[in-house]
Amino acid sequence: MLVLSRKLGESVVVSDNHNEVWIKVVRISGGRVQIAFDAPIDVAIRRSELLATVPDSDPVEAVCIRPK
């Protein structure tokens, strides 16, 4: 496991040969950190506690709603 420290407004990029996922710290308040993901529509982004409840066959169901 890789552990990184980021400040407000800083990002991390996770990529493979086909996709890039940008992860950005957008808000820090008390003990909570709000992060934003910028990824291709076919990349599923899921909260870990929901992994058992969302079928793997349709990753779009788990993707956050994106502004148009």
N, C-alpha and C. Protein backbone atom coordinates (compact mmCIF):
# COMPACT_ATOMS: atom_id res chain seq x y z
N MET A 1 0.84 -1.18 0.00
CA MET A 1 0.00 0.00 0.00
C MET A 1 0.89 1.24 0.00
N LEU A 2 0.57 2.16 -0.86
CA LEU A 2 1.27 3.44 -0.93
C LEU A 2 0.50 4.46 -0.12
N VAL A 3 1.18 5.18 0.76
CA VAL A 3 0.55 6.22 1.57
C VAL A 3 1.16 7.56 1.19
N LEU A 4 0.31 8.52 0.79
CA LEU A 4 0.77 9.85 0.39
C LEU A 4 0.10 10.91 1.24
N SER A 5 0.78 12.01 1.43
CA SER A 5 0.18 13.19 2.07
C SER A 5 -0.10 14.21 1.00
N ARG A 6 -1.26 14.83 1.04
CA ARG A 6 -1.65 15.86 0.09
C ARG A 6 -2.25 17.02 0.85
N LYS A 7 -2.01 18.21 0.34
CA LYS A 7 -2.61 19.43 0.90
C LYS A 7 -3.85 19.78 0.09
N LEU A 8 -4.64 20.68 0.62
CA LEU A 8 -5.83 21.14 -0.07
C LEU A 8 -5.47 21.62 -1.48
N GLY A 9 -6.19 21.12 -2.48
CA GLY A 9 -5.95 21.51 -3.87
C GLY A 9 -4.95 20.63 -4.60
N GLU A 10 -4.23 19.78 -3.89
CA GLU A 10 -3.25 18.91 -4.54
C GLU A 10 -3.92 17.64 -5.04
N SER A 11 -3.29 16.99 -6.02
CA SER A 11 -3.86 15.82 -6.68
C SER A 11 -2.89 14.67 -6.72
N VAL A 12 -3.45 13.51 -7.02
CA VAL A 12 -2.69 12.29 -7.29
C VAL A 12 -3.29 11.70 -8.56
N VAL A 13 -2.45 11.14 -9.42
CA VAL A 13 -2.93 10.51 -10.65
C VAL A 13 -2.60 9.02 -10.58
N VAL A 14 -3.63 8.20 -10.80
CA VAL A 14 -3.46 6.75 -10.87
C VAL A 14 -3.74 6.37 -12.32
N SER A 15 -2.81 5.62 -12.93
CA SER A 15 -3.01 5.29 -14.34
C SER A 15 -2.50 3.89 -14.66
N ASP A 16 -3.03 3.38 -15.75
CA ASP A 16 -2.52 2.16 -16.34
C ASP A 16 -2.28 2.47 -17.82
N ASN A 17 -2.21 1.47 -18.65
CA ASN A 17 -1.94 1.71 -20.06
C ASN A 17 -3.12 2.32 -20.80
N HIS A 18 -4.31 2.31 -20.19
CA HIS A 18 -5.52 2.75 -20.89
C HIS A 18 -6.24 3.93 -20.24
N ASN A 19 -6.11 4.10 -18.93
CA ASN A 19 -6.90 5.10 -18.22
C ASN A 19 -6.07 5.91 -17.24
N GLU A 20 -6.53 7.12 -16.98
CA GLU A 20 -5.98 7.97 -15.92
C GLU A 20 -7.12 8.35 -15.00
N VAL A 21 -6.88 8.24 -13.71
CA VAL A 21 -7.83 8.69 -12.71
C VAL A 21 -7.14 9.75 -11.86
N TRP A 22 -7.70 10.96 -11.87
CA TRP A 22 -7.18 12.06 -11.06
C TRP A 22 -7.96 12.11 -9.76
N ILE A 23 -7.26 12.20 -8.64
CA ILE A 23 -7.87 12.27 -7.32
C ILE A 23 -7.37 13.56 -6.68
N LYS A 24 -8.31 14.44 -6.31
CA LYS A 24 -7.94 15.76 -5.81
C LYS A 24 -8.58 16.02 -4.45
N VAL A 25 -7.81 16.59 -3.52
CA VAL A 25 -8.34 16.99 -2.23
C VAL A 25 -9.04 18.34 -2.43
N VAL A 26 -10.36 18.37 -2.21
CA VAL A 26 -11.12 19.59 -2.47
C VAL A 26 -11.61 20.29 -1.20
N ARG A 27 -11.60 19.58 -0.07
CA ARG A 27 -12.05 20.22 1.17
C ARG A 27 -11.53 19.43 2.36
N ILE A 28 -11.10 20.15 3.38
CA ILE A 28 -10.70 19.54 4.65
C ILE A 28 -11.46 20.27 5.74
N SER A 29 -12.21 19.52 6.53
CA SER A 29 -13.01 20.12 7.59
C SER A 29 -13.03 19.19 8.79
N GLY A 30 -12.43 19.62 9.88
CA GLY A 30 -12.36 18.75 11.05
C GLY A 30 -11.60 17.49 10.73
N GLY A 31 -12.19 16.36 11.01
CA GLY A 31 -11.55 15.08 10.76
C GLY A 31 -11.95 14.46 9.43
N ARG A 32 -12.55 15.24 8.54
CA ARG A 32 -13.02 14.70 7.25
C ARG A 32 -12.29 15.36 6.08
N VAL A 33 -12.03 14.56 5.08
CA VAL A 33 -11.41 15.05 3.86
C VAL A 33 -12.36 14.76 2.71
N GLN A 34 -12.66 15.76 1.90
CA GLN A 34 -13.51 15.56 0.73
C GLN A 34 -12.60 15.47 -0.48
N ILE A 35 -12.78 14.41 -1.27
CA ILE A 35 -11.95 14.20 -2.44
C ILE A 35 -12.82 14.13 -3.69
N ALA A 36 -12.24 14.54 -4.81
CA ALA A 36 -12.93 14.52 -6.10
C ALA A 36 -12.17 13.58 -7.03
N PHE A 37 -12.93 12.86 -7.86
CA PHE A 37 -12.35 11.92 -8.82
C PHE A 37 -12.68 12.39 -10.22
N ASP A 38 -11.69 12.38 -11.09
CA ASP A 38 -11.90 12.66 -12.51
C ASP A 38 -11.39 11.43 -13.26
N ALA A 39 -12.35 10.67 -13.82
CA ALA A 39 -11.99 9.40 -14.46
C ALA A 39 -12.86 9.18 -15.69
N PRO A 40 -12.40 8.34 -16.60
CA PRO A 40 -13.25 7.97 -17.74
C PRO A 40 -14.55 7.32 -17.24
N ILE A 41 -15.61 7.45 -18.02
CA ILE A 41 -16.92 6.97 -17.61
C ILE A 41 -16.94 5.46 -17.39
N ASP A 42 -16.07 4.72 -18.06
CA ASP A 42 -16.08 3.27 -17.91
C ASP A 42 -15.25 2.76 -16.73
N VAL A 43 -14.68 3.67 -15.95
CA VAL A 43 -13.94 3.29 -14.74
C VAL A 43 -14.89 3.42 -13.55
N ALA A 44 -15.13 2.31 -12.86
CA ALA A 44 -16.02 2.32 -11.70
C ALA A 44 -15.29 2.89 -10.49
N ILE A 45 -15.96 3.81 -9.81
CA ILE A 45 -15.43 4.38 -8.57
C ILE A 45 -16.46 4.07 -7.49
N ARG A 46 -16.06 3.25 -6.53
CA ARG A 46 -16.99 2.79 -5.51
C ARG A 46 -16.43 3.04 -4.12
N ARG A 47 -17.32 3.32 -3.18
CA ARG A 47 -16.94 3.36 -1.76
C ARG A 47 -16.73 1.92 -1.31
N SER A 48 -15.73 1.69 -0.50
CA SER A 48 -15.38 0.32 -0.11
C SER A 48 -16.53 -0.40 0.58
N GLU A 49 -17.34 0.30 1.35
CA GLU A 49 -18.43 -0.37 2.06
C GLU A 49 -19.55 -0.82 1.12
N LEU A 50 -19.54 -0.36 -0.13
CA LEU A 50 -20.55 -0.76 -1.10
C LEU A 50 -20.08 -1.83 -2.08
N LEU A 51 -18.85 -2.25 -1.99
CA LEU A 51 -18.31 -3.22 -2.94
C LEU A 51 -19.13 -4.50 -3.01
N ALA A 52 -19.64 -4.97 -1.90
CA ALA A 52 -20.40 -6.21 -1.90
C ALA A 52 -21.82 -6.03 -2.42
N THR A 53 -22.30 -4.78 -2.53
CA THR A 53 -23.69 -4.56 -2.90
C THR A 53 -23.89 -4.15 -4.35
N VAL A 54 -22.83 -3.77 -5.07
CA VAL A 54 -22.96 -3.34 -6.46
C VAL A 54 -22.40 -4.43 -7.36
N PRO A 55 -23.20 -4.94 -8.30
CA PRO A 55 -22.69 -6.01 -9.18
C PRO A 55 -21.54 -5.52 -10.06
N ASP A 56 -20.57 -6.39 -10.28
CA ASP A 56 -19.41 -6.05 -11.11
C ASP A 56 -19.77 -5.95 -12.58
N SER A 57 -20.90 -6.48 -12.97
CA SER A 57 -21.24 -6.54 -14.39
C SER A 57 -21.62 -5.18 -14.97
N ASP A 58 -21.94 -4.20 -14.13
CA ASP A 58 -22.33 -2.89 -14.64
C ASP A 58 -21.64 -1.78 -13.85
N PRO A 59 -20.36 -1.46 -14.17
CA PRO A 59 -19.63 -0.46 -13.41
C PRO A 59 -20.22 0.94 -13.48
N VAL A 60 -21.01 1.24 -14.51
CA VAL A 60 -21.58 2.58 -14.64
C VAL A 60 -22.55 2.86 -13.51
N GLU A 61 -23.18 1.83 -12.95
CA GLU A 61 -24.13 2.02 -11.85
C GLU A 61 -23.45 2.63 -10.63
N ALA A 62 -22.15 2.38 -10.46
CA ALA A 62 -21.44 2.83 -9.26
C ALA A 62 -20.71 4.15 -9.45
N VAL A 63 -20.70 4.68 -10.65
CA VAL A 63 -19.96 5.89 -10.94
C VAL A 63 -20.75 7.10 -10.44
N CYS A 64 -20.05 8.06 -9.87
CA CYS A 64 -20.69 9.28 -9.40
C CYS A 64 -21.32 10.02 -10.58
N ILE A 65 -22.39 10.73 -10.30
CA ILE A 65 -23.02 11.55 -11.33
C ILE A 65 -22.09 12.69 -11.69
N ARG A 66 -21.85 12.87 -12.95
CA ARG A 66 -20.93 13.91 -13.42
C ARG A 66 -21.71 15.10 -13.95
N PRO A 67 -21.24 16.30 -13.62
CA PRO A 67 -21.90 17.50 -14.19
C PRO A 67 -21.77 17.52 -15.70
N LYS A 68 -22.80 18.05 -16.37
CA LYS A 68 -22.75 18.13 -17.83
C LYS A 68 -22.18 19.44 -18.30
